[in-house]
Amino acid sequence: MNTQTRAGAPAAATLTATLGLAAVAWAVTVRQMNGMDMGPASSLGSVAFFAALWVPMMAAMMLPGAAPAAARVARRGGGARAVPLFLGSYLAVWSLVGVAVYVLYRPHGTLAAGLATIAAGAYELTSVKAYYRRRCQASAQPGWRFGLCCLGSTAGLMLILIALSVMSIAWMAVLTALALAQKLLPPRPAVDIPVALAIIALGVLIVAAPAAVPGLIHHSM
């Protein structure tokens, strides 16, 4: 029993610290994003501004789902640097995603936002999504590999955030909750298929009647 307690203590501390770091990242992100939401027409600003925003945003969104994997790394041992290296390389993957977003992103209208959302919903139904979701749940190591698997799993959800408003705390919260559920819960077609169809329906609604989606038209160009 004492051995189990000693083995579980680092895991519990890692879980607490990771979730605490995510909470701090949320606080920083909410403060930075205040007044920045312009819907699909949101601007990313300068490179420095975007980098200072993207890194804590990814920590806020992605660390909660990585916390159980980090706890397993701590439980298996590997020294004091094992968990920081795991989480650091995991977040490095998402930081590199930010580079691609900054290069490719342009402010856009509701038609593009709707079509991207439809594409994201369709991705949720693919075998590629299913494969990477299983790999993400398997807590593949090292951290960069885990990050790539989780990127493959959540690519569609991230596309929704970028399409609808990369500066929206509301969409960020909704998509974080969905990504967390998909990381922690086993795939269930009875749940996953309706969720994907709901995303597609949202995209159709954005294309056909964007004014029906709260906040989308009000801030758009």
Protein backbone atom coordinates (compact mmCIF):
# COMPACT_ATOMS: atom_id res chain seq x y z
CA MET A 1 0.00 0.00 0.00
CA ASN A 2 2.86 2.34 0.86
CA THR A 3 4.49 1.55 -2.47
CA GLN A 4 1.28 2.38 -4.31
CA THR A 5 0.97 5.62 -2.37
CA ARG A 6 4.53 6.62 -3.22
CA ALA A 7 3.95 5.79 -6.88
CA GLY A 8 0.69 7.69 -6.98
CA ALA A 9 1.96 10.86 -5.31
CA PRO A 10 3.95 12.15 -8.33
CA ALA A 11 1.02 11.37 -10.62
CA ALA A 12 -1.42 13.27 -8.42
CA ALA A 13 0.97 16.22 -8.15
CA THR A 14 1.47 16.24 -11.93
CA LEU A 15 -2.27 16.12 -12.57
CA THR A 16 -2.85 19.03 -10.17
CA ALA A 17 0.02 21.09 -11.55
CA THR A 18 -1.03 20.54 -15.18
CA LEU A 19 -4.63 21.54 -14.51
CA GLY A 20 -3.41 24.52 -12.48
CA LEU A 21 -1.23 25.65 -15.37
CA ALA A 22 -4.22 25.31 -17.70
CA ALA A 23 -6.29 27.47 -15.35
CA VAL A 24 -3.61 30.16 -15.35
CA ALA A 25 -3.46 29.98 -19.15
CA TRP A 26 -7.23 30.45 -19.31
CA ALA A 27 -7.00 33.56 -17.12
CA VAL A 28 -4.24 35.01 -19.30
CA THR A 29 -6.10 34.21 -22.51
CA VAL A 30 -9.39 35.69 -21.35
CA ARG A 31 -7.62 38.91 -20.36
CA GLN A 32 -5.73 39.13 -23.66
CA MET A 33 -8.78 38.38 -25.82
CA ASN A 34 -11.02 40.94 -24.14
CA GLY A 35 -12.60 43.04 -26.87
CA MET A 36 -10.73 41.26 -29.68
CA ASP A 37 -13.59 39.10 -31.04
CA MET A 38 -14.66 40.24 -34.50
CA GLY A 39 -16.08 36.93 -35.68
CA PRO A 40 -14.71 35.61 -38.98
CA ALA A 41 -13.25 39.06 -39.65
CA SER A 42 -10.93 38.87 -36.63
CA SER A 43 -7.38 40.02 -37.30
CA LEU A 44 -4.36 38.19 -35.88
CA GLY A 45 -2.29 41.33 -35.35
CA SER A 46 1.49 41.35 -35.37
CA VAL A 47 3.63 38.23 -35.10
CA ALA A 48 4.60 39.08 -31.52
CA PHE A 49 1.02 39.79 -30.50
CA PHE A 50 -0.27 36.57 -32.02
CA ALA A 51 2.50 34.47 -30.51
CA ALA A 52 1.80 35.92 -27.06
CA LEU A 53 -1.88 35.06 -27.53
CA TRP A 54 -1.62 31.67 -29.25
CA VAL A 55 0.73 29.94 -26.80
CA PRO A 56 -1.38 30.51 -23.65
CA MET A 57 -4.53 29.81 -25.68
CA MET A 58 -3.19 26.40 -26.71
CA ALA A 59 -2.08 25.71 -23.15
CA ALA A 60 -5.57 26.58 -21.92
CA MET A 61 -7.31 24.40 -24.49
CA MET A 62 -4.95 21.43 -24.72
CA LEU A 63 -3.42 20.92 -21.27
CA PRO A 64 -6.62 19.63 -19.60
CA GLY A 65 -6.81 16.75 -22.07
CA ALA A 66 -3.08 16.04 -21.69
CA ALA A 67 -3.18 15.99 -17.88
CA PRO A 68 -4.01 12.24 -17.55
CA ALA A 69 -1.22 11.36 -19.99
CA ALA A 70 1.24 13.54 -18.07
CA ALA A 71 0.17 11.82 -14.84
CA ARG A 72 0.92 8.44 -16.42
CA VAL A 73 4.37 9.70 -17.42
CA ALA A 74 4.97 10.72 -13.81
CA ARG A 75 3.71 7.39 -12.51
CA ARG A 76 6.13 5.46 -14.73
CA GLY A 77 9.04 7.53 -13.47
CA GLY A 78 11.83 8.77 -15.70
CA GLY A 79 13.22 11.53 -13.52
CA ALA A 80 12.21 15.07 -12.68
CA ARG A 81 12.50 16.22 -16.30
CA ALA A 82 10.19 13.58 -17.80
CA VAL A 83 6.92 15.45 -17.32
CA PRO A 84 8.20 18.93 -18.33
CA LEU A 85 9.77 17.42 -21.46
CA PHE A 86 6.56 15.59 -22.27
CA LEU A 87 4.35 18.66 -21.85
CA GLY A 88 6.88 21.02 -23.42
CA SER A 89 7.21 18.97 -26.61
CA TYR A 90 3.43 18.46 -26.66
CA LEU A 91 2.82 22.21 -26.55
CA ALA A 92 5.61 22.78 -29.08
CA VAL A 93 3.50 20.91 -31.63
CA TRP A 94 0.59 23.28 -31.02
CA SER A 95 2.93 26.27 -31.18
CA LEU A 96 4.04 25.15 -34.64
CA VAL A 97 0.39 24.88 -35.62
CA GLY A 98 0.17 28.55 -34.70
CA VAL A 99 2.90 29.33 -37.25
CA ALA A 100 0.83 27.69 -39.98
CA VAL A 101 -2.31 29.51 -38.82
CA TYR A 102 -0.55 32.87 -38.90
CA VAL A 103 0.83 32.27 -42.40
CA LEU A 104 -2.39 30.93 -43.92
CA TYR A 105 -5.13 32.79 -42.06
CA ARG A 106 -6.96 35.74 -43.57
CA PRO A 107 -10.01 37.58 -42.24
CA HIS A 108 -12.98 36.16 -44.11
CA GLY A 109 -16.76 36.24 -44.43
CA THR A 110 -19.54 34.01 -43.21
CA LEU A 111 -19.64 31.93 -46.40
CA ALA A 112 -16.06 30.77 -45.90
CA ALA A 113 -16.74 30.26 -42.20
CA GLY A 114 -19.77 28.10 -42.95
CA LEU A 115 -18.01 25.99 -45.57
CA ALA A 116 -15.06 25.43 -43.24
CA THR A 117 -17.43 24.36 -40.46
CA ILE A 118 -19.13 21.88 -42.81
CA ALA A 119 -15.71 20.49 -43.74
CA ALA A 120 -14.84 20.20 -40.04
CA GLY A 121 -18.02 18.26 -39.35
CA ALA A 122 -17.32 15.95 -42.27
CA TYR A 123 -13.81 15.32 -40.92
CA GLU A 124 -15.35 14.13 -37.66
CA LEU A 125 -16.90 11.23 -39.60
CA THR A 126 -13.70 10.04 -41.28
CA SER A 127 -11.52 7.05 -40.48
CA VAL A 128 -8.55 9.44 -40.18
CA LYS A 129 -10.25 11.21 -37.28
CA ALA A 130 -11.10 7.87 -35.65
CA TYR A 131 -7.52 6.63 -36.01
CA TYR A 132 -5.92 9.69 -34.46
CA ARG A 133 -8.50 9.82 -31.69
CA ARG A 134 -7.54 6.28 -30.67
CA ARG A 135 -3.84 7.18 -30.87
CA CYS A 136 -4.38 10.32 -28.82
CA GLN A 137 -6.19 8.33 -26.13
CA ALA A 138 -3.34 5.82 -26.06
CA SER A 139 -1.04 8.55 -24.67
CA ALA A 140 1.72 7.93 -27.20
CA GLN A 141 5.15 9.08 -26.15
CA PRO A 142 7.22 11.16 -26.51
CA GLY A 143 5.23 14.35 -26.08
CA TRP A 144 5.66 15.54 -29.65
CA ARG A 145 4.21 12.28 -30.95
CA PHE A 146 1.32 12.56 -28.53
CA GLY A 147 0.83 16.12 -29.77
CA LEU A 148 0.74 15.05 -33.41
CA CYS A 149 -1.82 12.35 -32.65
CA CYS A 150 -3.99 14.79 -30.74
CA LEU A 151 -3.62 17.32 -33.55
CA GLY A 152 -4.99 14.72 -35.94
CA SER A 153 -7.85 14.08 -33.55
CA THR A 154 -8.81 17.72 -32.95
CA ALA A 155 -7.98 19.22 -36.37
CA GLY A 156 -11.64 19.61 -37.26
CA LEU A 157 -12.46 21.33 -33.98
CA MET A 158 -9.55 23.73 -34.39
CA LEU A 159 -10.75 24.54 -37.91
CA ILE A 160 -14.11 25.55 -36.44
CA LEU A 161 -12.42 27.92 -33.99
CA ILE A 162 -10.30 29.52 -36.71
CA ALA A 163 -13.26 29.76 -39.09
CA LEU A 164 -15.80 31.25 -36.69
CA SER A 165 -13.53 33.46 -34.60
CA VAL A 166 -10.01 32.73 -33.46
CA MET A 167 -10.52 35.44 -30.81
CA SER A 168 -13.78 34.09 -29.35
CA ILE A 169 -13.68 32.94 -25.73
CA ALA A 170 -17.15 31.39 -26.12
CA TRP A 171 -16.20 29.19 -29.07
CA MET A 172 -12.89 28.41 -27.42
CA ALA A 173 -14.69 27.13 -24.30
CA VAL A 174 -17.20 25.04 -26.26
CA LEU A 175 -14.54 23.44 -28.43
CA THR A 176 -12.22 22.82 -25.47
CA ALA A 177 -15.01 20.92 -23.72
CA LEU A 178 -15.69 18.87 -26.85
CA ALA A 179 -11.98 18.13 -27.42
CA LEU A 180 -11.58 17.12 -23.77
CA ALA A 181 -14.56 14.77 -23.97
CA GLN A 182 -13.15 13.17 -27.11
CA LYS A 183 -9.77 12.65 -25.45
CA LEU A 184 -11.12 11.11 -22.26
CA LEU A 185 -14.20 9.18 -23.39
CA PRO A 186 -14.22 6.12 -25.66
CA PRO A 187 -15.65 6.56 -29.16
CA ARG A 188 -19.40 5.95 -29.29
CA PRO A 189 -21.09 6.20 -32.71
CA ALA A 190 -24.42 6.94 -31.01
CA VAL A 191 -22.85 10.14 -29.68
CA ASP A 192 -20.08 10.96 -32.13
CA ILE A 193 -22.17 10.81 -35.31
CA PRO A 194 -24.89 13.18 -34.02
CA VAL A 195 -22.17 15.59 -32.85
CA ALA A 196 -20.57 15.55 -36.31
CA LEU A 197 -23.96 16.04 -37.99
CA ALA A 198 -24.70 18.93 -35.62
CA ILE A 199 -21.43 20.59 -36.68
CA ILE A 200 -22.34 20.14 -40.33
CA ALA A 201 -25.80 21.58 -39.62
CA LEU A 202 -24.18 24.57 -37.93
CA GLY A 203 -22.09 25.14 -41.04
CA VAL A 204 -25.17 24.96 -43.26
CA LEU A 205 -26.93 27.44 -40.99
CA ILE A 206 -23.98 29.82 -41.17
CA VAL A 207 -24.05 29.69 -44.97
CA ALA A 208 -27.83 29.99 -45.29
CA ALA A 209 -28.70 32.31 -42.41
CA PRO A 210 -25.59 33.68 -40.68
CA ALA A 211 -27.65 36.18 -38.68
CA ALA A 212 -29.17 33.22 -36.81
CA VAL A 213 -25.79 32.40 -35.22
CA PRO A 214 -25.22 34.70 -32.21
CA GLY A 215 -22.28 37.06 -32.58
CA LEU A 216 -21.34 36.03 -36.10
CA ILE A 217 -22.82 38.95 -38.05
CA HIS A 218 -22.57 41.58 -35.32
CA HIS A 219 -18.77 41.61 -35.47
CA SER A 220 -18.28 40.66 -39.10
CA MET A 221 -17.20 43.00 -41.83
